[in-house]
Amino acid sequence: MSRILGTCIAVLLLIAVGYPFAHDAYHRYQVSQRLDTVMDERDRAAFREWNADAVSFARSLFERCELSQGRGAASCERYRFASQ
């Protein structure tokens, strides 16, 4: 009985510790799929090196686009979609 209870607690603890990492990895994958069509090779390399969350990377691409193209530029909307 105590062995089963210990195993259940260990599994629950493993799930509790692993869930945030799995969730972040899946979210990063989703954002990378949305950004894949709009990123060039330089952006892809920067994304692989990015340590923060994927949404902040997409937001930085959007802000960079707005700085170079102007606020509200239609060409920047693809980055806004990826960051949502």
N, C-alpha and C. Protein backbone atom coordinates (compact mmCIF):
# COMPACT_ATOMS: atom_id res chain seq x y z
N MET A 1 0.81 -1.19 0.00
CA MET A 1 0.00 0.00 0.00
C MET A 1 0.86 1.26 0.00
N SER A 2 1.87 1.31 0.86
CA SER A 2 2.72 2.49 0.91
C SER A 2 3.56 2.62 -0.36
N ARG A 3 3.86 1.50 -0.99
CA ARG A 3 4.64 1.53 -2.23
C ARG A 3 3.80 2.15 -3.35
N ILE A 4 2.53 1.80 -3.42
CA ILE A 4 1.64 2.37 -4.43
C ILE A 4 1.44 3.86 -4.17
N LEU A 5 1.24 4.21 -2.92
CA LEU A 5 1.06 5.62 -2.56
C LEU A 5 2.32 6.42 -2.89
N GLY A 6 3.48 5.88 -2.60
CA GLY A 6 4.75 6.54 -2.92
C GLY A 6 4.93 6.72 -4.42
N THR A 7 4.55 5.71 -5.19
CA THR A 7 4.64 5.79 -6.65
C THR A 7 3.70 6.86 -7.19
N CYS A 8 2.49 6.91 -6.67
CA CYS A 8 1.52 7.93 -7.10
C CYS A 8 2.02 9.33 -6.78
N ILE A 9 2.58 9.51 -5.62
CA ILE A 9 3.11 10.82 -5.24
C ILE A 9 4.28 11.20 -6.13
N ALA A 10 5.15 10.24 -6.44
CA ALA A 10 6.28 10.51 -7.32
C ALA A 10 5.82 10.89 -8.72
N VAL A 11 4.80 10.21 -9.23
CA VAL A 11 4.27 10.53 -10.56
C VAL A 11 3.64 11.92 -10.56
N LEU A 12 2.86 12.23 -9.54
CA LEU A 12 2.25 13.55 -9.45
C LEU A 12 3.30 14.65 -9.34
N LEU A 13 4.34 14.40 -8.59
CA LEU A 13 5.42 15.38 -8.45
C LEU A 13 6.15 15.57 -9.78
N LEU A 14 6.37 14.50 -10.49
CA LEU A 14 7.01 14.57 -11.81
C LEU A 14 6.15 15.37 -12.78
N ILE A 15 4.86 15.14 -12.75
CA ILE A 15 3.95 15.90 -13.62
C ILE A 15 3.95 17.37 -13.24
N ALA A 16 3.90 17.65 -11.95
CA ALA A 16 3.87 19.04 -11.49
C ALA A 16 5.14 19.79 -11.86
N VAL A 17 6.27 19.12 -11.82
CA VAL A 17 7.54 19.76 -12.16
C VAL A 17 7.71 19.86 -13.68
N GLY A 18 7.28 18.85 -14.41
CA GLY A 18 7.50 18.81 -15.85
C GLY A 18 6.50 19.59 -16.68
N TYR A 19 5.31 19.84 -16.15
CA TYR A 19 4.27 20.52 -16.92
C TYR A 19 4.68 21.91 -17.41
N PRO A 20 5.24 22.78 -16.58
CA PRO A 20 5.61 24.11 -17.09
C PRO A 20 6.63 24.05 -18.23
N PHE A 21 7.56 23.13 -18.15
CA PHE A 21 8.55 23.00 -19.22
C PHE A 21 7.91 22.49 -20.51
N ALA A 22 7.04 21.51 -20.39
CA ALA A 22 6.35 20.98 -21.57
C ALA A 22 5.43 22.03 -22.18
N HIS A 23 4.75 22.79 -21.34
CA HIS A 23 3.86 23.84 -21.83
C HIS A 23 4.64 24.91 -22.57
N ASP A 24 5.77 25.33 -22.02
CA ASP A 24 6.60 26.33 -22.67
C ASP A 24 7.16 25.82 -23.99
N ALA A 25 7.58 24.57 -24.02
CA ALA A 25 8.12 23.98 -25.25
C ALA A 25 7.05 23.91 -26.33
N TYR A 26 5.84 23.53 -25.96
CA TYR A 26 4.75 23.45 -26.93
C TYR A 26 4.39 24.85 -27.43
N HIS A 27 4.34 25.83 -26.55
CA HIS A 27 4.01 27.20 -26.95
C HIS A 27 5.09 27.75 -27.86
N ARG A 28 6.34 27.46 -27.56
CA ARG A 28 7.45 27.88 -28.42
C ARG A 28 7.32 27.26 -29.81
N TYR A 29 6.92 26.00 -29.86
CA TYR A 29 6.73 25.32 -31.13
C TYR A 29 5.61 25.99 -31.93
N GLN A 30 4.50 26.31 -31.27
CA GLN A 30 3.38 26.95 -31.96
C GLN A 30 3.79 28.29 -32.56
N VAL A 31 4.47 29.10 -31.77
CA VAL A 31 4.89 30.42 -32.27
C VAL A 31 5.91 30.26 -33.39
N SER A 32 6.81 29.30 -33.27
CA SER A 32 7.80 29.11 -34.33
C SER A 32 7.13 28.66 -35.63
N GLN A 33 6.05 27.89 -35.54
CA GLN A 33 5.32 27.50 -36.74
C GLN A 33 4.65 28.70 -37.40
N ARG A 34 4.11 29.60 -36.60
CA ARG A 34 3.48 30.81 -37.15
C ARG A 34 4.52 31.73 -37.77
N LEU A 35 5.69 31.81 -37.14
CA LEU A 35 6.73 32.72 -37.63
C LEU A 35 7.55 32.14 -38.78
N ASP A 36 7.46 30.85 -39.00
CA ASP A 36 8.33 30.18 -39.97
C ASP A 36 8.24 30.79 -41.36
N THR A 37 7.06 31.20 -41.76
CA THR A 37 6.89 31.74 -43.11
C THR A 37 7.39 33.18 -43.24
N VAL A 38 7.54 33.89 -42.13
CA VAL A 38 7.93 35.29 -42.22
C VAL A 38 9.37 35.55 -41.78
N MET A 39 10.03 34.56 -41.20
CA MET A 39 11.40 34.77 -40.75
C MET A 39 12.39 34.42 -41.85
N ASP A 40 13.47 35.19 -41.90
CA ASP A 40 14.57 34.82 -42.78
C ASP A 40 15.58 34.00 -41.98
N GLU A 41 16.66 33.62 -42.60
CA GLU A 41 17.64 32.74 -41.94
C GLU A 41 18.27 33.41 -40.72
N ARG A 42 18.48 34.72 -40.79
CA ARG A 42 19.06 35.45 -39.66
C ARG A 42 18.11 35.44 -38.46
N ASP A 43 16.80 35.62 -38.74
CA ASP A 43 15.80 35.59 -37.67
C ASP A 43 15.68 34.19 -37.07
N ARG A 44 15.78 33.15 -37.90
CA ARG A 44 15.71 31.78 -37.38
C ARG A 44 16.88 31.48 -36.46
N ALA A 45 18.06 31.94 -36.84
CA ALA A 45 19.23 31.74 -35.98
C ALA A 45 19.07 32.50 -34.66
N ALA A 46 18.54 33.70 -34.72
CA ALA A 46 18.30 34.47 -33.50
C ALA A 46 17.25 33.80 -32.63
N PHE A 47 16.24 33.19 -33.25
CA PHE A 47 15.20 32.49 -32.48
C PHE A 47 15.76 31.27 -31.78
N ARG A 48 16.65 30.56 -32.43
CA ARG A 48 17.27 29.39 -31.78
C ARG A 48 18.10 29.80 -30.57
N GLU A 49 18.68 30.98 -30.61
CA GLU A 49 19.51 31.47 -29.51
C GLU A 49 18.70 32.22 -28.45
N TRP A 50 17.44 32.50 -28.72
CA TRP A 50 16.60 33.30 -27.82
C TRP A 50 16.31 32.51 -26.55
N ASN A 51 16.59 33.10 -25.40
CA ASN A 51 16.38 32.43 -24.12
C ASN A 51 15.05 32.73 -23.46
N ALA A 52 14.41 33.80 -23.85
CA ALA A 52 13.12 34.17 -23.26
C ALA A 52 12.00 33.40 -23.97
N ASP A 53 10.78 33.73 -23.65
CA ASP A 53 9.66 33.02 -24.27
C ASP A 53 9.48 33.43 -25.73
N ALA A 54 8.79 32.60 -26.46
CA ALA A 54 8.66 32.79 -27.90
C ALA A 54 7.81 34.00 -28.25
N VAL A 55 6.83 34.31 -27.41
CA VAL A 55 5.96 35.46 -27.68
C VAL A 55 6.77 36.75 -27.62
N SER A 56 7.70 36.85 -26.69
CA SER A 56 8.51 38.07 -26.61
C SER A 56 9.41 38.21 -27.83
N PHE A 57 9.85 37.08 -28.40
CA PHE A 57 10.63 37.15 -29.64
C PHE A 57 9.77 37.67 -30.78
N ALA A 58 8.56 37.15 -30.90
CA ALA A 58 7.65 37.61 -31.95
C ALA A 58 7.33 39.09 -31.75
N ARG A 59 7.15 39.49 -30.51
CA ARG A 59 6.89 40.91 -30.22
C ARG A 59 8.08 41.77 -30.61
N SER A 60 9.29 41.28 -30.38
CA SER A 60 10.47 42.06 -30.76
C SER A 60 10.58 42.18 -32.28
N LEU A 61 10.20 41.12 -33.01
CA LEU A 61 10.19 41.22 -34.47
C LEU A 61 9.15 42.25 -34.94
N PHE A 62 8.00 42.25 -34.29
CA PHE A 62 6.94 43.21 -34.63
C PHE A 62 7.41 44.64 -34.37
N GLU A 63 8.03 44.86 -33.22
CA GLU A 63 8.51 46.20 -32.89
C GLU A 63 9.62 46.64 -33.83
N ARG A 64 10.50 45.71 -34.20
CA ARG A 64 11.56 46.04 -35.15
C ARG A 64 10.97 46.41 -36.50
N CYS A 65 9.94 45.69 -36.92
CA CYS A 65 9.27 45.99 -38.18
C CYS A 65 8.61 47.36 -38.13
N GLU A 66 7.96 47.67 -37.01
CA GLU A 66 7.32 48.98 -36.88
C GLU A 66 8.35 50.12 -36.90
N LEU A 67 9.52 49.88 -36.34
CA LEU A 67 10.55 50.92 -36.38
C LEU A 67 11.05 51.17 -37.79
N SER A 68 11.19 50.10 -38.57
CA SER A 68 11.72 50.28 -39.92
C SER A 68 10.64 50.64 -40.94
N GLN A 69 9.42 50.14 -40.78
CA GLN A 69 8.35 50.36 -41.76
C GLN A 69 7.39 51.48 -41.37
N GLY A 70 7.37 51.82 -40.08
CA GLY A 70 6.42 52.83 -39.61
C GLY A 70 5.28 52.19 -38.85
N ARG A 71 4.74 52.94 -37.92
CA ARG A 71 3.67 52.42 -37.07
C ARG A 71 2.43 52.11 -37.90
N GLY A 72 1.86 50.92 -37.68
CA GLY A 72 0.65 50.52 -38.37
C GLY A 72 0.86 50.03 -39.79
N ALA A 73 2.09 49.73 -40.16
CA ALA A 73 2.36 49.25 -41.52
C ALA A 73 1.72 47.88 -41.73
N ALA A 74 1.14 47.70 -42.90
CA ALA A 74 0.46 46.44 -43.21
C ALA A 74 1.43 45.26 -43.23
N SER A 75 2.65 45.51 -43.61
CA SER A 75 3.63 44.41 -43.68
C SER A 75 4.02 43.89 -42.31
N CYS A 76 3.71 44.62 -41.25
CA CYS A 76 4.06 44.20 -39.89
C CYS A 76 2.97 43.36 -39.24
N GLU A 77 1.81 43.28 -39.85
CA GLU A 77 0.70 42.55 -39.26
C GLU A 77 1.00 41.06 -39.13
N ARG A 78 1.82 40.51 -39.99
CA ARG A 78 2.15 39.08 -39.90
C ARG A 78 2.90 38.77 -38.61
N TYR A 79 3.68 39.72 -38.12
CA TYR A 79 4.38 39.52 -36.85
C TYR A 79 3.42 39.65 -35.68
N ARG A 80 2.45 40.53 -35.79
CA ARG A 80 1.47 40.70 -34.73
C ARG A 80 0.65 39.42 -34.57
N PHE A 81 0.29 38.78 -35.68
CA PHE A 81 -0.48 37.54 -35.62
C PHE A 81 0.30 36.45 -34.90
N ALA A 82 1.59 36.37 -35.15
CA ALA A 82 2.41 35.32 -34.53
C ALA A 82 2.59 35.55 -33.04
N SER A 83 2.52 36.78 -32.60
CA SER A 83 2.76 37.06 -31.18
C SER A 83 1.50 36.90 -30.34
N GLN A 84 0.38 36.63 -30.95
CA GLN A 84 -0.87 36.47 -30.18
C GLN A 84 -1.10 35.04 -29.79
